[in-house]
Amino acid sequence: MKDSVTTDSQLDLDKVIVCPQCDAVFQLVRPQHGERAKCQRCHKVLIAPRRNAGLHIIAVALSVMFLIIGAAIFPFLTIDAAGNKNAVSILDAALAFSGGPMIILSLATAALIILFPLFRVLLTLYVLVPVVLDRPPARHAIRAFRLSEAMRPWSMAEIFAIGCAVALVKVADLAHVGFGPAFWMFGILVVLVIAQDSFMCKWSVWNSLEHPKRS
C-alpha cells in the first residue's frame, strides 16, 4: 500500500482505498493471492485476497445455517436439581419471559442470538453464490451486503456463548448440568462464524459487486 494521499485534487475513487478504522487514504495497490495490504497508520488489514475464498465462505455459511437451526431446536442444557430434571433449548431460554412487558426483551434476545446470525448467513449466500459461479451479481446484492455488515455488531452468538460459560460456573455448584446436542452445535457455530469473518475480504466482495467484469 502506497503512502497516504495528501493532494487536494480530485481523486479517481477506483484508485484509492480508505482505512475503515483510522480514515487514512491510500493509493490502491492490489496484492496477490495470499498477500495482505495493511494500513500504514493503524496496521488494519485492508485487502487480503485468498484463492477459492468464496467457496470456503459459502461452505462455512451453509454449515452455520444448519447449526443455527439445530441449536435452536435441540436441547441445549439439562439441569438436574433435587430429583427434578429439565431440558432447555436456546429458543426456550430466549423466550423464557414471554409474558407481559418482558416479551419485548425475550424477542430481542431471540433476534440477537438466533435470527440476526441466521439472516446474516442468508444474506452472505445471496451475495456470494452468483459471484463465485461467475454470474452477474444478484439483484440488490450491494444493499444486501451492506445490510449484512451493518448487522454484524448485533449478531451476538459469541456474547451468548460467553454468558453461558459464566452462568455454568455459578450453576454447577447448585445442580448437575448436562450438555445437550445444541450445546456442541453452538460451540462449533461460534468457531465457524469467526472463521467466516476471517476468510472474507470485504474489499474483494465490494469490488466483485461494483465491477463484476473487472473482477
C-alpha atoms as a PDB file:
ATOM      1  CA  MET A   1       0.000   0.000   0.000  1.00  0.00           C
ATOM      2  CA  LYS A   2       1.497   3.322  -1.046  1.00  0.00           C
ATOM      3  CA  ASP A   3       1.792   6.423   1.113  1.00  0.00           C
ATOM      4  CA  SER A   4      -1.297   8.340   2.167  1.00  0.00           C
ATOM      5  CA  VAL A   5      -2.813  10.607  -0.435  1.00  0.00           C
ATOM      6  CA  THR A   6      -2.352  14.222   0.654  1.00  0.00           C
ATOM      7  CA  THR A   7      -3.217  16.105  -2.546  1.00  0.00           C
ATOM      8  CA  ASP A   8      -6.372  18.192  -2.647  1.00  0.00           C
ATOM      9  CA  SER A   9      -7.018  17.450  -6.320  1.00  0.00           C
ATOM     10  CA  GLN A  10      -9.953  15.357  -7.409  1.00  0.00           C
ATOM     11  CA  LEU A  11      -9.234  11.646  -6.953  1.00  0.00           C
ATOM     12  CA  ASP A  12     -10.232   8.656  -9.016  1.00  0.00           C
ATOM     13  CA  LEU A  13     -12.189   6.662  -6.425  1.00  0.00           C
ATOM     14  CA  ASP A  14     -11.317   3.397  -8.167  1.00  0.00           C
ATOM     15  CA  LYS A  15      -7.632   4.036  -7.463  1.00  0.00           C
ATOM     16  CA  VAL A  16      -7.812   4.832  -3.751  1.00  0.00           C
ATOM     17  CA  ILE A  17      -8.794   2.956  -0.616  1.00  0.00           C
ATOM     18  CA  VAL A  18      -9.802   4.349   2.773  1.00  0.00           C
ATOM     19  CA  CYS A  19      -8.986   2.631   6.030  1.00  0.00           C
ATOM     20  CA  PRO A  20     -12.296   1.990   7.856  1.00  0.00           C
ATOM     21  CA  GLN A  21     -10.578   2.298  11.238  1.00  0.00           C
ATOM     22  CA  CYS A  22      -8.483   5.482  11.044  1.00  0.00           C
ATOM     23  CA  ASP A  23      -9.796   7.042   7.775  1.00  0.00           C
ATOM     24  CA  ALA A  24      -6.355   7.203   6.174  1.00  0.00           C
ATOM     25  CA  VAL A  25      -6.496   7.356   2.363  1.00  0.00           C
ATOM     26  CA  PHE A  26      -4.047   5.363   0.218  1.00  0.00           C
ATOM     27  CA  GLN A  27      -3.392   4.778  -3.437  1.00  0.00           C
ATOM     28  CA  LEU A  28      -4.741   1.366  -4.286  1.00  0.00           C
ATOM     29  CA  VAL A  29      -2.257  -1.411  -4.995  1.00  0.00           C
ATOM     30  CA  ARG A  30      -3.894  -4.815  -5.373  1.00  0.00           C
ATOM     31  CA  PRO A  31      -1.974  -7.572  -3.569  1.00  0.00           C
ATOM     32  CA  GLN A  32      -1.577 -11.058  -4.975  1.00  0.00           C
ATOM     33  CA  HIS A  33      -3.406 -14.060  -3.541  1.00  0.00           C
ATOM     34  CA  GLY A  34      -2.062 -14.843  -0.096  1.00  0.00           C
ATOM     35  CA  GLU A  35      -0.648 -11.327   0.382  1.00  0.00           C
ATOM     36  CA  ARG A  36      -2.092  -8.579   2.557  1.00  0.00           C
ATOM     37  CA  ALA A  37      -2.405  -4.838   2.199  1.00  0.00           C
ATOM     38  CA  LYS A  38      -2.297  -3.118   5.601  1.00  0.00           C
ATOM     39  CA  CYS A  39      -2.893   0.446   6.713  1.00  0.00           C
ATOM     40  CA  GLN A  40       0.437   2.136   7.426  1.00  0.00           C
ATOM     41  CA  ARG A  41      -1.080   4.166  10.241  1.00  0.00           C
ATOM     42  CA  CYS A  42      -3.071   1.642  12.318  1.00  0.00           C
ATOM     43  CA  HIS A  43      -1.957  -1.625  10.628  1.00  0.00           C
ATOM     44  CA  LYS A  44      -5.522  -2.799   9.954  1.00  0.00           C
ATOM     45  CA  VAL A  45      -5.744  -5.329   7.127  1.00  0.00           C
ATOM     46  CA  LEU A  46      -7.454  -3.605   4.188  1.00  0.00           C
ATOM     47  CA  ILE A  47      -7.199  -6.262   1.465  1.00  0.00           C
ATOM     48  CA  ALA A  48      -6.456  -9.952   1.949  1.00  0.00           C
ATOM     49  CA  PRO A  49      -7.411 -11.956  -1.163  1.00  0.00           C
ATOM     50  CA  ARG A  50      -7.275 -15.756  -0.956  1.00  0.00           C
ATOM     51  CA  ARG A  51      -7.738 -18.399  -3.604  1.00  0.00           C
ATOM     52  CA  ASN A  52     -11.151 -20.094  -3.502  1.00  0.00           C
ATOM     53  CA  ALA A  53     -12.107 -17.934  -0.517  1.00  0.00           C
ATOM     54  CA  GLY A  54     -15.643 -17.586  -1.872  1.00  0.00           C
ATOM     55  CA  LEU A  55     -16.155 -21.362  -1.908  1.00  0.00           C
ATOM     56  CA  HIS A  56     -14.823 -21.639   1.638  1.00  0.00           C
ATOM     57  CA  ILE A  57     -17.136 -18.872   2.859  1.00  0.00           C
ATOM     58  CA  ILE A  58     -20.165 -20.460   1.183  1.00  0.00           C
ATOM     59  CA  ALA A  59     -19.355 -23.855   2.720  1.00  0.00           C
ATOM     60  CA  VAL A  60     -18.937 -22.299   6.156  1.00  0.00           C
ATOM     61  CA  ALA A  61     -22.128 -20.241   5.732  1.00  0.00           C
ATOM     62  CA  LEU A  62     -24.162 -23.347   4.876  1.00  0.00           C
ATOM     63  CA  SER A  63     -22.730 -25.122   7.916  1.00  0.00           C
ATOM     64  CA  VAL A  64     -23.572 -22.150  10.119  1.00  0.00           C
ATOM     65  CA  MET A  65     -27.136 -22.064   8.788  1.00  0.00           C
ATOM     66  CA  PHE A  66     -27.807 -25.717   9.638  1.00  0.00           C
ATOM     67  CA  LEU A  67     -26.098 -25.387  13.019  1.00  0.00           C
ATOM     68  CA  ILE A  68     -28.205 -22.359  13.951  1.00  0.00           C
ATOM     69  CA  ILE A  69     -31.417 -24.216  13.128  1.00  0.00           C
ATOM     70  CA  GLY A  70     -30.283 -27.315  15.018  1.00  0.00           C
ATOM     71  CA  ALA A  71     -29.025 -25.339  18.017  1.00  0.00           C
ATOM     72  CA  ALA A  72     -32.359 -23.541  18.279  1.00  0.00           C
ATOM     73  CA  ILE A  73     -34.397 -26.761  18.288  1.00  0.00           C
ATOM     74  CA  PHE A  74     -32.407 -29.426  20.151  1.00  0.00           C
ATOM     75  CA  PRO A  75     -31.847 -29.350  23.937  1.00  0.00           C
ATOM     76  CA  PHE A  76     -29.053 -27.023  24.996  1.00  0.00           C
ATOM     77  CA  LEU A  77     -28.690 -27.949  28.666  1.00  0.00           C
ATOM     78  CA  THR A  78     -30.216 -30.470  31.034  1.00  0.00           C
ATOM     79  CA  ILE A  79     -30.379 -29.454  34.684  1.00  0.00           C
ATOM     80  CA  ASP A  80     -30.941 -31.967  37.472  1.00  0.00           C
ATOM     81  CA  ALA A  81     -31.580 -30.494  40.920  1.00  0.00           C
ATOM     82  CA  ALA A  82     -33.213 -32.289  43.851  1.00  0.00           C
ATOM     83  CA  GLY A  83     -34.570 -35.009  41.592  1.00  0.00           C
ATOM     84  CA  ASN A  84     -36.159 -32.545  39.166  1.00  0.00           C
ATOM     85  CA  LYS A  85     -34.716 -32.808  35.665  1.00  0.00           C
ATOM     86  CA  ASN A  86     -35.398 -30.274  32.951  1.00  0.00           C
ATOM     87  CA  ALA A  87     -34.070 -29.830  29.385  1.00  0.00           C
ATOM     88  CA  VAL A  88     -33.903 -26.361  27.870  1.00  0.00           C
ATOM     89  CA  SER A  89     -33.239 -25.311  24.280  1.00  0.00           C
ATOM     90  CA  ILE A  90     -31.792 -21.969  23.206  1.00  0.00           C
ATOM     91  CA  LEU A  91     -35.186 -20.897  21.922  1.00  0.00           C
ATOM     92  CA  ASP A  92     -36.775 -21.797  25.273  1.00  0.00           C
ATOM     93  CA  ALA A  93     -34.146 -19.769  27.105  1.00  0.00           C
ATOM     94  CA  ALA A  94     -34.593 -16.778  24.807  1.00  0.00           C
ATOM     95  CA  LEU A  95     -38.375 -16.830  25.219  1.00  0.00           C
ATOM     96  CA  ALA A  96     -38.366 -17.590  28.954  1.00  0.00           C
ATOM     97  CA  PHE A  97     -40.008 -14.240  29.752  1.00  0.00           C
ATOM     98  CA  SER A  98     -42.725 -14.375  27.120  1.00  0.00           C
ATOM     99  CA  GLY A  99     -45.463 -12.855  29.235  1.00  0.00           C
ATOM    100  CA  GLY A 100     -46.238  -9.215  29.893  1.00  0.00           C
ATOM    101  CA  PRO A 101     -43.794  -6.390  29.116  1.00  0.00           C
ATOM    102  CA  MET A 102     -40.827  -8.796  29.274  1.00  0.00           C
ATOM    103  CA  ILE A 103     -41.883 -10.272  25.934  1.00  0.00           C
ATOM    104  CA  ILE A 104     -40.016  -7.406  24.244  1.00  0.00           C
ATOM    105  CA  LEU A 105     -36.801  -8.472  25.962  1.00  0.00           C
ATOM    106  CA  SER A 106     -37.438 -12.109  25.026  1.00  0.00           C
ATOM    107  CA  LEU A 107     -37.969 -11.278  21.363  1.00  0.00           C
ATOM    108  CA  ALA A 108     -34.878  -9.071  21.319  1.00  0.00           C
ATOM    109  CA  THR A 109     -32.802 -11.873  22.865  1.00  0.00           C
ATOM    110  CA  ALA A 110     -34.063 -14.404  20.330  1.00  0.00           C
ATOM    111  CA  ALA A 111     -33.303 -11.999  17.489  1.00  0.00           C
ATOM    112  CA  LEU A 112     -29.758 -11.260  18.664  1.00  0.00           C
ATOM    113  CA  ILE A 113     -28.658 -14.862  19.199  1.00  0.00           C
ATOM    114  CA  ILE A 114     -30.697 -16.687  16.526  1.00  0.00           C
ATOM    115  CA  LEU A 115     -32.456 -14.528  13.936  1.00  0.00           C
ATOM    116  CA  PHE A 116     -29.697 -11.998  13.219  1.00  0.00           C
ATOM    117  CA  PRO A 117     -26.934 -14.604  12.720  1.00  0.00           C
ATOM    118  CA  LEU A 118     -29.267 -16.676  10.526  1.00  0.00           C
ATOM    119  CA  PHE A 119     -30.304 -13.656   8.460  1.00  0.00           C
ATOM    120  CA  ARG A 120     -26.649 -12.634   8.013  1.00  0.00           C
ATOM    121  CA  VAL A 121     -25.837 -16.115   6.707  1.00  0.00           C
ATOM    122  CA  LEU A 122     -28.698 -15.954   4.206  1.00  0.00           C
ATOM    123  CA  LEU A 123     -27.543 -12.523   3.020  1.00  0.00           C
ATOM    124  CA  THR A 124     -23.993 -13.819   2.626  1.00  0.00           C
ATOM    125  CA  LEU A 125     -25.170 -16.715   0.482  1.00  0.00           C
ATOM    126  CA  TYR A 126     -27.393 -14.403  -1.561  1.00  0.00           C
ATOM    127  CA  VAL A 127     -24.448 -12.125  -2.315  1.00  0.00           C
ATOM    128  CA  LEU A 128     -21.619 -14.613  -2.828  1.00  0.00           C
ATOM    129  CA  VAL A 129     -23.193 -17.544  -4.688  1.00  0.00           C
ATOM    130  CA  PRO A 130     -23.651 -15.656  -8.014  1.00  0.00           C
ATOM    131  CA  VAL A 131     -20.183 -14.104  -7.696  1.00  0.00           C
ATOM    132  CA  VAL A 132     -18.483 -17.461  -7.093  1.00  0.00           C
ATOM    133  CA  LEU A 133     -20.384 -19.002 -10.028  1.00  0.00           C
ATOM    134  CA  ASP A 134     -19.114 -16.176 -12.311  1.00  0.00           C
ATOM    135  CA  ARG A 135     -22.607 -14.826 -12.830  1.00  0.00           C
ATOM    136  CA  PRO A 136     -23.815 -11.227 -12.611  1.00  0.00           C
ATOM    137  CA  PRO A 137     -24.442 -10.071  -9.021  1.00  0.00           C
ATOM    138  CA  ALA A 138     -27.904 -10.782  -7.671  1.00  0.00           C
ATOM    139  CA  ARG A 139     -30.462  -8.013  -7.641  1.00  0.00           C
ATOM    140  CA  HIS A 140     -29.853  -5.561  -4.782  1.00  0.00           C
ATOM    141  CA  ALA A 141     -26.712  -7.522  -3.826  1.00  0.00           C
ATOM    142  CA  ILE A 142     -24.904  -4.328  -2.789  1.00  0.00           C
ATOM    143  CA  ARG A 143     -27.735  -3.395  -0.417  1.00  0.00           C
ATOM    144  CA  ALA A 144     -27.822  -6.941   0.919  1.00  0.00           C
ATOM    145  CA  PHE A 145     -24.093  -6.964   1.669  1.00  0.00           C
ATOM    146  CA  ARG A 146     -24.286  -3.507   3.232  1.00  0.00           C
ATOM    147  CA  LEU A 147     -27.137  -4.708   5.460  1.00  0.00           C
ATOM    148  CA  SER A 148     -25.155  -7.817   6.411  1.00  0.00           C
ATOM    149  CA  GLU A 149     -22.200  -5.688   7.508  1.00  0.00           C
ATOM    150  CA  ALA A 150     -24.497  -3.316   9.414  1.00  0.00           C
ATOM    151  CA  MET A 151     -25.938  -6.286  11.317  1.00  0.00           C
ATOM    152  CA  ARG A 152     -22.523  -7.605  12.336  1.00  0.00           C
ATOM    153  CA  PRO A 153     -22.387  -5.783  15.741  1.00  0.00           C
ATOM    154  CA  TRP A 154     -25.907  -7.017  16.535  1.00  0.00           C
ATOM    155  CA  SER A 155     -25.177 -10.682  15.806  1.00  0.00           C
ATOM    156  CA  MET A 156     -24.301 -11.787  19.335  1.00  0.00           C
ATOM    157  CA  ALA A 157     -23.879 -15.550  19.200  1.00  0.00           C
ATOM    158  CA  GLU A 158     -20.379 -15.213  20.662  1.00  0.00           C
ATOM    159  CA  ILE A 159     -21.637 -12.997  23.503  1.00  0.00           C
ATOM    160  CA  PHE A 160     -24.311 -15.566  24.332  1.00  0.00           C
ATOM    161  CA  ALA A 161     -21.665 -18.301  24.479  1.00  0.00           C
ATOM    162  CA  ILE A 162     -19.558 -16.261  26.918  1.00  0.00           C
ATOM    163  CA  GLY A 163     -22.645 -15.561  29.058  1.00  0.00           C
ATOM    164  CA  CYS A 164     -23.468 -19.268  29.168  1.00  0.00           C
ATOM    165  CA  ALA A 165     -19.934 -20.100  30.275  1.00  0.00           C
ATOM    166  CA  VAL A 166     -20.170 -17.603  33.148  1.00  0.00           C
ATOM    167  CA  ALA A 167     -23.610 -18.871  34.162  1.00  0.00           C
ATOM    168  CA  LEU A 168     -22.482 -22.500  34.131  1.00  0.00           C
ATOM    169  CA  VAL A 169     -19.728 -21.751  36.639  1.00  0.00           C
ATOM    170  CA  LYS A 170     -22.327 -20.432  39.081  1.00  0.00           C
ATOM    171  CA  VAL A 171     -24.981 -23.097  38.436  1.00  0.00           C
ATOM    172  CA  ALA A 172     -22.582 -26.065  38.604  1.00  0.00           C
ATOM    173  CA  ASP A 173     -22.426 -25.845  42.410  1.00  0.00           C
ATOM    174  CA  LEU A 174     -26.213 -25.857  42.773  1.00  0.00           C
ATOM    175  CA  ALA A 175     -27.262 -28.566  40.324  1.00  0.00           C
ATOM    176  CA  HIS A 176     -25.980 -31.240  37.990  1.00  0.00           C
ATOM    177  CA  VAL A 177     -25.684 -29.747  34.500  1.00  0.00           C
ATOM    178  CA  GLY A 178     -25.543 -31.865  31.342  1.00  0.00           C
ATOM    179  CA  PHE A 179     -24.751 -30.685  27.831  1.00  0.00           C
ATOM    180  CA  GLY A 180     -27.288 -31.380  25.111  1.00  0.00           C
ATOM    181  CA  PRO A 181     -26.667 -31.634  21.341  1.00  0.00           C
ATOM    182  CA  ALA A 182     -27.378 -27.923  20.861  1.00  0.00           C
ATOM    183  CA  PHE A 183     -24.547 -27.017  23.242  1.00  0.00           C
ATOM    184  CA  TRP A 184     -21.943 -28.651  20.999  1.00  0.00           C
ATOM    185  CA  MET A 185     -23.637 -27.300  17.879  1.00  0.00           C
ATOM    186  CA  PHE A 186     -23.500 -23.803  19.293  1.00  0.00           C
ATOM    187  CA  GLY A 187     -19.844 -24.194  20.232  1.00  0.00           C
ATOM    188  CA  ILE A 188     -18.971 -25.225  16.675  1.00  0.00           C
ATOM    189  CA  LEU A 189     -21.203 -22.434  15.387  1.00  0.00           C
ATOM    190  CA  VAL A 190     -19.226 -19.742  17.218  1.00  0.00           C
ATOM    191  CA  VAL A 191     -15.947 -21.045  15.792  1.00  0.00           C
ATOM    192  CA  LEU A 192     -17.366 -21.152  12.246  1.00  0.00           C
ATOM    193  CA  VAL A 193     -18.750 -17.616  12.491  1.00  0.00           C
ATOM    194  CA  ILE A 194     -15.294 -16.347  13.447  1.00  0.00           C
ATOM    195  CA  ALA A 195     -13.739 -18.394  10.620  1.00  0.00           C
ATOM    196  CA  GLN A 196     -16.242 -16.993   8.118  1.00  0.00           C
ATOM    197  CA  ASP A 197     -15.367 -13.422   9.045  1.00  0.00           C
ATOM    198  CA  SER A 198     -11.640 -14.178   8.824  1.00  0.00           C
ATOM    199  CA  PHE A 199     -11.980 -15.772   5.360  1.00  0.00           C
ATOM    200  CA  MET A 200     -13.913 -12.839   3.927  1.00  0.00           C
ATOM    201  CA  CYS A 201     -12.047  -9.991   2.248  1.00  0.00           C
ATOM    202  CA  LYS A 202     -14.630  -7.215   2.207  1.00  0.00           C
ATOM    203  CA  TRP A 203     -12.774  -5.194  -0.416  1.00  0.00           C
ATOM    204  CA  SER A 204     -12.800  -8.170  -2.796  1.00  0.00           C
ATOM    205  CA  VAL A 205     -16.545  -8.618  -2.293  1.00  0.00           C
ATOM    206  CA  TRP A 206     -17.278  -4.951  -2.893  1.00  0.00           C
ATOM    207  CA  ASN A 207     -15.037  -4.954  -5.958  1.00  0.00           C
ATOM    208  CA  SER A 208     -16.814  -8.025  -7.340  1.00  0.00           C
ATOM    209  CA  LEU A 209     -20.218  -6.398  -6.848  1.00  0.00           C
ATOM    210  CA  GLU A 210     -19.315  -2.985  -8.249  1.00  0.00           C
ATOM    211  CA  HIS A 211     -17.078  -4.173 -11.100  1.00  0.00           C
ATOM    212  CA  PRO A 212     -18.116  -7.741 -11.944  1.00  0.00           C
ATOM    213  CA  LYS A 213     -16.411  -7.784 -15.366  1.00  0.00           C
ATOM    214  CA  ARG A 214     -13.185  -6.374 -13.965  1.00  0.00           C
ATOM    215  CA  SER A 215     -13.183  -8.938 -11.111  1.00  0.00           C
END
